[in-house]
């Protein structure tokens, strides 16, 4: 088997069975038994490494191209000999406020499932172990694998949405904090957070239509090929969870936009307060400057310059005017 194949096994009646090490022989054996299927897990294959697999399982060339290039939107494509599903599992690093995503592609066909994974997020080994511990679920064939991977991915979306909500509440408290609400770093953090929500939405939003098709809800009343009709209630449960996630993402996006608007409004109010204070101090500085400028003019006929009490009178006038202006600005809240 190519080195990129993480695992290859035959499952019959919900149990893993011993079979040929070569996946071609394993597929032939599974089809010969009738009630078995082969599950092959592949990790980041190259075109040459995946070519033999795609030829053996009859995978459509367009689906193979998408699986190799990755960077796909979540989607569901039906081909003559297989079903192609793209999922985007996500992870959230709370310390760096960063949402990262990987990709899982599933090919479902006659007695086989091929999973192609890109990135280190949501390894499928845990899903495989859990399914192997639940033979009643696994005996439903490739459909059980698709359901388990989709259910695990969407359930993790709920966890990420909860973590984002908690961090957003911390960010909200920071914005409205008197000490740091006006910091420039706060605005950049809000923008980064909004960008992470956008990255999260790219994974959750497009998945709604494929899950709805699998659940047979709405306009998609017909069964999807290679998926057992009895699995529709299970996919409806996944669809309900995904709806909760998308509603949560919408709420997070609106809330972070409101927080950004509030932060910008705070910055504007603080700038206005600063301008009022600067204007008040400038006015207080302008009064003595004006009086000193007038008294300092070198005209010959300035009788007040010859008075004995002219100097203390001017100083007293300046002080009185400064006190008057200070009390006036203080009363109006400018100082």
Protein backbone atom coordinates (compact mmCIF):
# COMPACT_ATOMS: atom_id res chain seq x y z
CA UNK A 1 0.00 0.00 0.00
CA UNK A 2 1.19 3.58 -0.58
CA UNK A 3 2.77 5.23 2.44
CA UNK A 4 0.04 7.88 2.56
CA UNK A 5 -2.58 5.25 3.49
CA UNK A 6 -3.02 5.59 7.24
CA UNK A 7 -5.33 2.61 7.63
CA UNK A 8 -7.14 0.09 5.46
CA UNK A 9 -9.67 -2.36 6.85
CA UNK A 10 -12.66 -4.50 5.90
CA UNK A 11 -15.76 -4.18 8.06
CA UNK A 12 -18.47 -6.81 8.06
CA UNK A 13 -21.59 -6.76 10.21
CA UNK A 14 -20.13 -3.90 12.26
CA UNK A 15 -16.83 -5.60 13.07
CA UNK A 16 -13.35 -5.20 11.72
CA UNK A 17 -12.15 -8.34 10.00
CA UNK A 18 -8.82 -9.57 8.80
CA UNK A 19 -8.34 -9.15 5.07
CA UNK A 20 -5.75 -8.70 2.35
CA UNK A 21 -3.12 -6.03 2.95
CA UNK A 22 -3.57 -4.77 -0.61
CA UNK A 23 -6.60 -2.48 -0.88
CA UNK A 24 -7.47 -3.79 -4.36
CA UNK A 25 -7.86 -7.32 -3.02
CA UNK A 26 -9.66 -5.97 0.03
CA UNK A 27 -12.22 -4.19 -2.15
CA UNK A 28 -12.79 -7.31 -4.23
CA UNK A 29 -13.29 -9.38 -1.08
CA UNK A 30 -15.73 -6.88 0.42
CA UNK A 31 -17.82 -6.80 -2.75
CA UNK A 32 -17.80 -10.57 -2.94
CA UNK A 33 -19.14 -10.85 0.60
CA UNK A 34 -21.95 -8.39 -0.18
CA UNK A 35 -22.50 -7.12 3.37
CA UNK A 36 -18.99 -5.73 3.93
CA UNK A 37 -17.15 -2.57 2.98
CA UNK A 38 -13.60 -1.27 2.85
CA UNK A 39 -12.55 1.91 4.67
CA UNK A 40 -9.28 3.46 3.51
CA UNK A 41 -7.83 6.48 5.29
CA UNK A 42 -5.39 8.66 3.31
CA UNK A 43 -3.38 11.63 4.59
CA UNK A 44 -2.27 14.44 2.23
CA UNK A 45 -1.57 12.31 -0.85
CA UNK A 46 0.22 13.52 -3.94
CA UNK A 47 -1.21 12.98 -7.40
CA UNK A 48 1.06 10.02 -8.05
CA UNK A 49 0.28 8.42 -4.68
CA UNK A 50 -3.48 8.81 -5.09
CA UNK A 51 -3.63 7.80 -8.74
CA UNK A 52 -3.71 4.05 -8.08
CA UNK A 53 -6.46 4.46 -5.46
CA UNK A 54 -8.62 6.61 -7.72
CA UNK A 55 -8.23 4.19 -10.62
CA UNK A 56 -9.07 1.16 -8.51
CA UNK A 57 -12.17 2.70 -6.93
CA UNK A 58 -13.33 4.48 -10.07
CA UNK A 59 -13.32 7.97 -8.49
CA UNK A 60 -14.37 10.86 -10.70
CA UNK A 61 -11.50 12.95 -12.03
CA UNK A 62 -13.00 16.25 -10.83
CA UNK A 63 -13.50 14.92 -7.32
CA UNK A 64 -9.95 13.57 -7.29
CA UNK A 65 -8.65 16.98 -8.36
CA UNK A 66 -10.53 18.65 -5.50
CA UNK A 67 -9.27 16.09 -3.01
CA UNK A 68 -5.66 16.62 -4.05
CA UNK A 69 -5.69 20.42 -4.21
CA UNK A 70 -7.68 20.89 -0.99
CA UNK A 71 -8.79 24.46 -0.07
CA UNK A 72 -12.36 23.53 -0.99
CA UNK A 73 -15.66 24.78 0.36
CA UNK A 74 -17.80 22.22 2.19
CA UNK A 75 -19.94 20.56 -0.44
CA UNK A 76 -21.61 17.38 -1.65
CA UNK A 77 -21.23 16.10 -5.21
CA UNK A 78 -22.97 13.07 -6.70
CA UNK A 79 -21.19 11.17 -9.47
CA UNK A 80 -22.11 7.99 -11.31
CA UNK A 81 -19.98 5.65 -9.22
CA UNK A 82 -19.39 7.57 -6.01
CA UNK A 83 -20.47 10.31 -3.64
CA UNK A 84 -18.00 13.08 -2.80
CA UNK A 85 -18.32 15.10 0.41
CA UNK A 86 -16.02 17.88 1.67
CA UNK A 87 -15.95 18.87 5.36
CA UNK A 88 -13.82 21.52 7.07
CA UNK A 89 -13.03 20.71 10.71
CA UNK A 90 -11.82 23.70 12.73
CA UNK A 91 -9.78 24.35 15.86
CA UNK A 92 -9.48 27.50 17.96
CA UNK A 93 -6.34 28.68 19.73
CA UNK A 94 -7.65 30.92 22.51
CA UNK A 95 -4.19 32.22 23.40
CA UNK A 96 -3.60 33.64 19.93
CA UNK A 97 -7.27 34.25 19.03
CA UNK A 98 -6.78 32.15 15.91
CA UNK A 99 -9.19 29.83 14.11
CA UNK A 100 -7.48 27.24 11.94
CA UNK A 101 -9.15 24.75 9.65
CA UNK A 102 -8.32 21.50 7.93
CA UNK A 103 -10.17 19.47 5.34
CA UNK A 104 -11.68 16.00 5.21
CA UNK A 105 -12.89 14.55 1.91
CA UNK A 106 -15.00 11.43 1.78
CA UNK A 107 -15.65 9.20 -1.23
CA UNK A 108 -18.56 6.80 -0.78
CA UNK A 109 -19.34 4.10 -3.29
CA UNK A 110 -20.18 0.47 -3.75
CA UNK A 111 -18.75 -1.25 -0.65
CA UNK A 112 -16.08 1.37 0.05
CA UNK A 113 -15.25 4.59 1.86
CA UNK A 114 -12.11 6.58 1.09
CA UNK A 115 -11.29 9.44 3.45
CA UNK A 116 -8.66 12.01 2.50
CA UNK A 117 -7.44 14.32 5.22
CA UNK A 118 -5.46 17.57 4.92
CA UNK A 119 -4.01 19.26 7.98
CA UNK A 120 -3.61 18.04 11.54
CA UNK A 121 -7.07 19.07 12.75
CA UNK A 122 -9.62 16.39 13.68
CA UNK A 123 -7.69 13.18 12.98
CA UNK A 124 -10.02 10.44 11.84
CA UNK A 125 -8.35 7.75 13.92
CA UNK A 126 -10.51 8.76 16.90
CA UNK A 127 -13.66 8.48 14.76
CA UNK A 128 -12.57 5.06 13.52
CA UNK A 129 -11.91 3.80 17.06
CA UNK A 130 -15.26 5.06 18.29
CA UNK A 131 -17.09 3.45 15.39
CA UNK A 132 -15.28 0.16 15.91
CA UNK A 133 -16.54 0.26 19.50
CA UNK A 134 -20.13 0.67 18.24
CA UNK A 135 -20.81 -2.25 15.89
CA UNK A 136 -24.54 -1.48 15.81
CA UNK A 137 -23.69 1.79 14.12
CA UNK A 138 -20.86 0.49 11.98
CA UNK A 139 -22.93 -2.30 10.49
CA UNK A 140 -24.85 0.29 8.45
CA UNK A 141 -21.86 0.48 6.14
CA UNK A 142 -20.28 3.55 4.50
CA UNK A 143 -23.22 5.69 5.61
CA UNK A 144 -22.19 5.23 9.24
CA UNK A 145 -18.71 6.55 8.45
CA UNK A 146 -20.09 9.64 6.72
CA UNK A 147 -22.50 10.31 9.58
CA UNK A 148 -19.85 9.86 12.28
CA UNK A 149 -17.34 12.15 10.57
CA UNK A 150 -19.99 14.82 9.93
CA UNK A 151 -21.38 14.54 13.46
CA UNK A 152 -17.92 14.80 15.02
CA UNK A 153 -17.06 17.81 12.87
CA UNK A 154 -20.27 19.67 13.69
CA UNK A 155 -20.09 18.84 17.40
CA UNK A 156 -16.61 20.33 17.45
CA UNK A 157 -18.05 23.42 15.78
CA UNK A 158 -20.25 23.83 18.87
CA UNK A 159 -17.19 23.64 21.12
CA UNK A 160 -15.37 26.24 19.04
CA UNK A 161 -18.42 28.53 19.05
CA UNK A 162 -18.54 28.29 22.85
CA UNK A 163 -14.85 29.18 23.13
CA UNK A 164 -15.30 32.11 20.77
CA UNK A 165 -18.27 33.34 22.81
CA UNK A 166 -16.20 33.24 26.01
CA UNK A 167 -13.32 35.16 24.42
CA UNK A 168 -15.72 37.66 22.91
CA UNK A 169 -17.14 38.39 26.36
CA UNK A 170 -13.60 39.06 27.59
CA UNK A 171 -13.03 41.35 24.63
CA UNK A 172 -16.28 43.16 25.35
CA UNK A 173 -15.23 43.71 28.97
CA UNK A 174 -11.88 45.05 27.76
CA UNK A 175 -13.54 47.50 25.36
CA UNK A 176 -15.76 48.96 28.07
CA UNK A 177 -12.98 49.03 30.65
CA UNK A 178 -12.02 52.63 31.61
CA UNK A 179 -8.35 51.67 31.74
CA UNK A 180 -7.87 49.95 28.37
CA UNK A 181 -11.02 50.56 26.33
CA UNK A 182 -9.37 53.29 24.32
CA UNK A 183 -6.10 51.49 23.64
CA UNK A 184 -5.08 51.24 20.03
CA UNK A 185 -4.32 47.54 20.44
CA UNK A 186 -7.97 46.95 21.29
CA UNK A 187 -9.11 47.96 17.80
CA UNK A 188 -6.59 45.66 16.13
CA UNK A 189 -7.66 42.80 18.38
CA UNK A 190 -11.31 43.37 17.44
CA UNK A 191 -10.41 43.27 13.75
CA UNK A 192 -8.43 40.06 14.23
CA UNK A 193 -11.31 38.51 16.12
CA UNK A 194 -13.75 39.47 13.36
CA UNK A 195 -11.44 37.87 10.82
CA UNK A 196 -11.39 34.63 12.83
CA UNK A 197 -15.18 34.58 12.92
CA UNK A 198 -15.14 34.97 9.14
CA UNK A 199 -12.78 31.98 8.89
CA UNK A 200 -15.14 29.99 11.11
CA UNK A 201 -18.12 30.98 8.96
CA UNK A 202 -16.36 29.74 5.82
CA UNK A 203 -16.35 26.28 7.38
CA UNK A 204 -19.86 26.22 8.85
CA UNK A 205 -21.99 28.23 6.42
CA UNK A 206 -21.54 26.27 3.17
CA UNK A 207 -22.04 22.96 5.01
CA UNK A 208 -25.74 23.69 5.59
CA UNK A 209 -26.83 22.69 2.08
CA UNK A 210 -24.97 19.32 1.97
CA UNK A 211 -26.27 18.33 5.40
CA UNK A 212 -29.80 19.35 4.42
CA UNK A 213 -29.53 17.15 1.32
CA UNK A 214 -28.33 14.23 3.42
CA UNK A 215 -31.20 14.72 5.86
CA UNK A 216 -33.80 14.80 3.09
CA UNK A 217 -35.29 18.02 4.46
CA UNK A 218 -36.72 21.01 2.67
CA UNK A 219 -36.52 20.86 -1.13
CA UNK A 220 -34.19 17.84 -0.96
CA UNK A 221 -36.78 15.12 -0.41
CA UNK A 222 -35.06 12.46 -2.52
CA UNK A 223 -32.45 10.14 -1.04
CA UNK A 224 -28.78 10.76 -1.83
CA UNK A 225 -27.11 7.88 -3.71
CA UNK A 226 -24.82 5.63 -1.66
CA UNK A 227 -26.44 6.91 1.57
CA UNK A 228 -29.00 4.71 3.30
CA UNK A 229 -32.42 6.41 3.54
CA UNK A 230 -32.71 5.17 7.12
CA UNK A 231 -29.85 7.52 8.04
CA UNK A 232 -31.86 10.67 7.25
CA UNK A 233 -33.06 11.16 10.87
CA UNK A 234 -29.46 11.03 12.05
CA UNK A 235 -28.40 13.65 9.51
CA UNK A 236 -31.38 15.78 10.58
CA UNK A 237 -29.86 15.77 14.06
CA UNK A 238 -26.56 16.92 12.56
CA UNK A 239 -28.46 19.58 10.62
CA UNK A 240 -30.07 20.85 13.83
CA UNK A 241 -26.68 21.15 15.51
CA UNK A 242 -25.26 22.92 12.47
CA UNK A 243 -28.17 25.36 12.49
CA UNK A 244 -27.34 26.20 16.10
CA UNK A 245 -23.72 26.76 15.12
CA UNK A 246 -24.61 29.03 12.21
CA UNK A 247 -26.99 31.03 14.38
CA UNK A 248 -24.24 31.36 16.98
CA UNK A 249 -21.76 32.50 14.31
CA UNK A 250 -24.24 35.10 13.06
CA UNK A 251 -24.71 36.34 16.60
CA UNK A 252 -20.96 36.50 17.19
CA UNK A 253 -20.44 38.44 13.97
CA UNK A 254 -23.15 40.97 14.84
CA UNK A 255 -21.87 41.33 18.39
CA UNK A 256 -18.26 41.89 17.36
CA UNK A 257 -19.44 44.50 14.83
CA UNK A 258 -21.37 46.24 17.62
CA UNK A 259 -18.32 46.08 19.88
CA UNK A 260 -16.19 47.62 17.15
CA UNK A 261 -18.74 50.41 16.65
CA UNK A 262 -18.85 51.01 20.40
CA UNK A 263 -15.07 51.11 20.58
CA UNK A 264 -14.84 53.62 17.74
CA UNK A 265 -17.54 55.72 19.42
CA UNK A 266 -15.58 55.60 22.67
CA UNK A 267 -12.46 56.72 20.85
CA UNK A 268 -14.38 59.61 19.28
CA UNK A 269 -15.84 60.68 22.64
CA UNK A 270 -12.42 60.54 24.28
CA UNK A 271 -10.90 62.57 21.48
CA UNK A 272 -13.66 65.16 21.91
CA UNK A 273 -12.98 65.25 25.65
CA UNK A 274 -9.29 65.73 24.97
CA UNK A 275 -10.01 68.52 22.49
CA UNK A 276 -12.24 70.29 25.02
CA UNK A 277 -9.53 70.08 27.65
CA UNK A 278 -6.90 71.34 25.23
CA UNK A 279 -9.19 74.19 24.17
CA UNK A 280 -9.91 75.13 27.79
CA UNK A 281 -6.22 75.24 28.72
CA UNK A 282 -5.44 77.17 25.53
CA UNK A 283 -8.10 79.75 26.40
CA UNK A 284 -6.72 80.08 29.91
CA UNK A 285 -3.23 80.56 28.50
CA UNK A 286 -4.46 83.07 25.91
CA UNK A 287 -5.85 85.58 28.46
CA UNK A 288 -2.58 86.41 30.28
CA UNK A 289 -0.73 86.23 26.99
CA UNK A 290 -3.07 88.84 25.49
CA UNK A 291 -2.79 91.17 28.53
CA UNK A 292 0.99 90.81 28.62
CA UNK A 293 1.13 91.47 24.89
CA UNK A 294 -0.86 94.66 25.22
CA UNK A 295 1.14 95.93 28.19
CA UNK A 296 4.37 95.09 26.42
CA UNK A 297 3.74 97.34 23.40
CA UNK A 298 6.30 100.13 23.04
CA UNK A 299 3.95 103.09 22.61
CA UNK A 300 4.96 106.45 24.15
CA UNK A 301 1.54 107.37 25.49
CA UNK A 302 0.63 104.47 27.78
CA UNK A 303 -0.29 106.23 31.04
CA UNK A 304 -0.89 103.02 33.00
CA UNK A 305 2.81 102.21 32.71
CA UNK A 306 3.59 105.17 34.98
CA UNK A 307 1.16 104.21 37.74
CA UNK A 308 2.65 102.84 40.93
CA UNK A 309 0.07 100.05 41.26
CA UNK A 310 -0.10 99.14 37.58
CA UNK A 311 2.04 95.99 37.86
CA UNK A 312 0.21 94.39 40.83
CA UNK A 313 -3.12 95.44 39.27
CA UNK A 314 -2.30 93.64 36.01
CA UNK A 315 -1.13 90.53 37.90
CA UNK A 316 -4.31 90.57 39.99
CA UNK A 317 -6.43 90.96 36.84
CA UNK A 318 -4.69 88.00 35.21
CA UNK A 319 -5.19 85.85 38.32
CA UNK A 320 -8.85 86.82 38.62
CA UNK A 321 -9.54 86.06 34.98
CA UNK A 322 -7.72 82.71 35.23
CA UNK A 323 -9.74 81.72 38.29
CA UNK A 324 -12.95 82.81 36.58
CA UNK A 325 -12.16 80.79 33.42
CA UNK A 326 -11.08 77.76 35.41
CA UNK A 327 -14.32 77.70 37.42
CA UNK A 328 -16.35 78.22 34.24
CA UNK A 329 -14.67 75.35 32.34
CA UNK A 330 -14.78 73.13 35.43
CA UNK A 331 -18.51 73.75 35.81
CA UNK A 332 -19.12 72.80 32.16
CA UNK A 333 -17.04 69.64 32.49
CA UNK A 334 -14.25 70.74 30.15
CA UNK A 335 -11.61 70.24 32.84
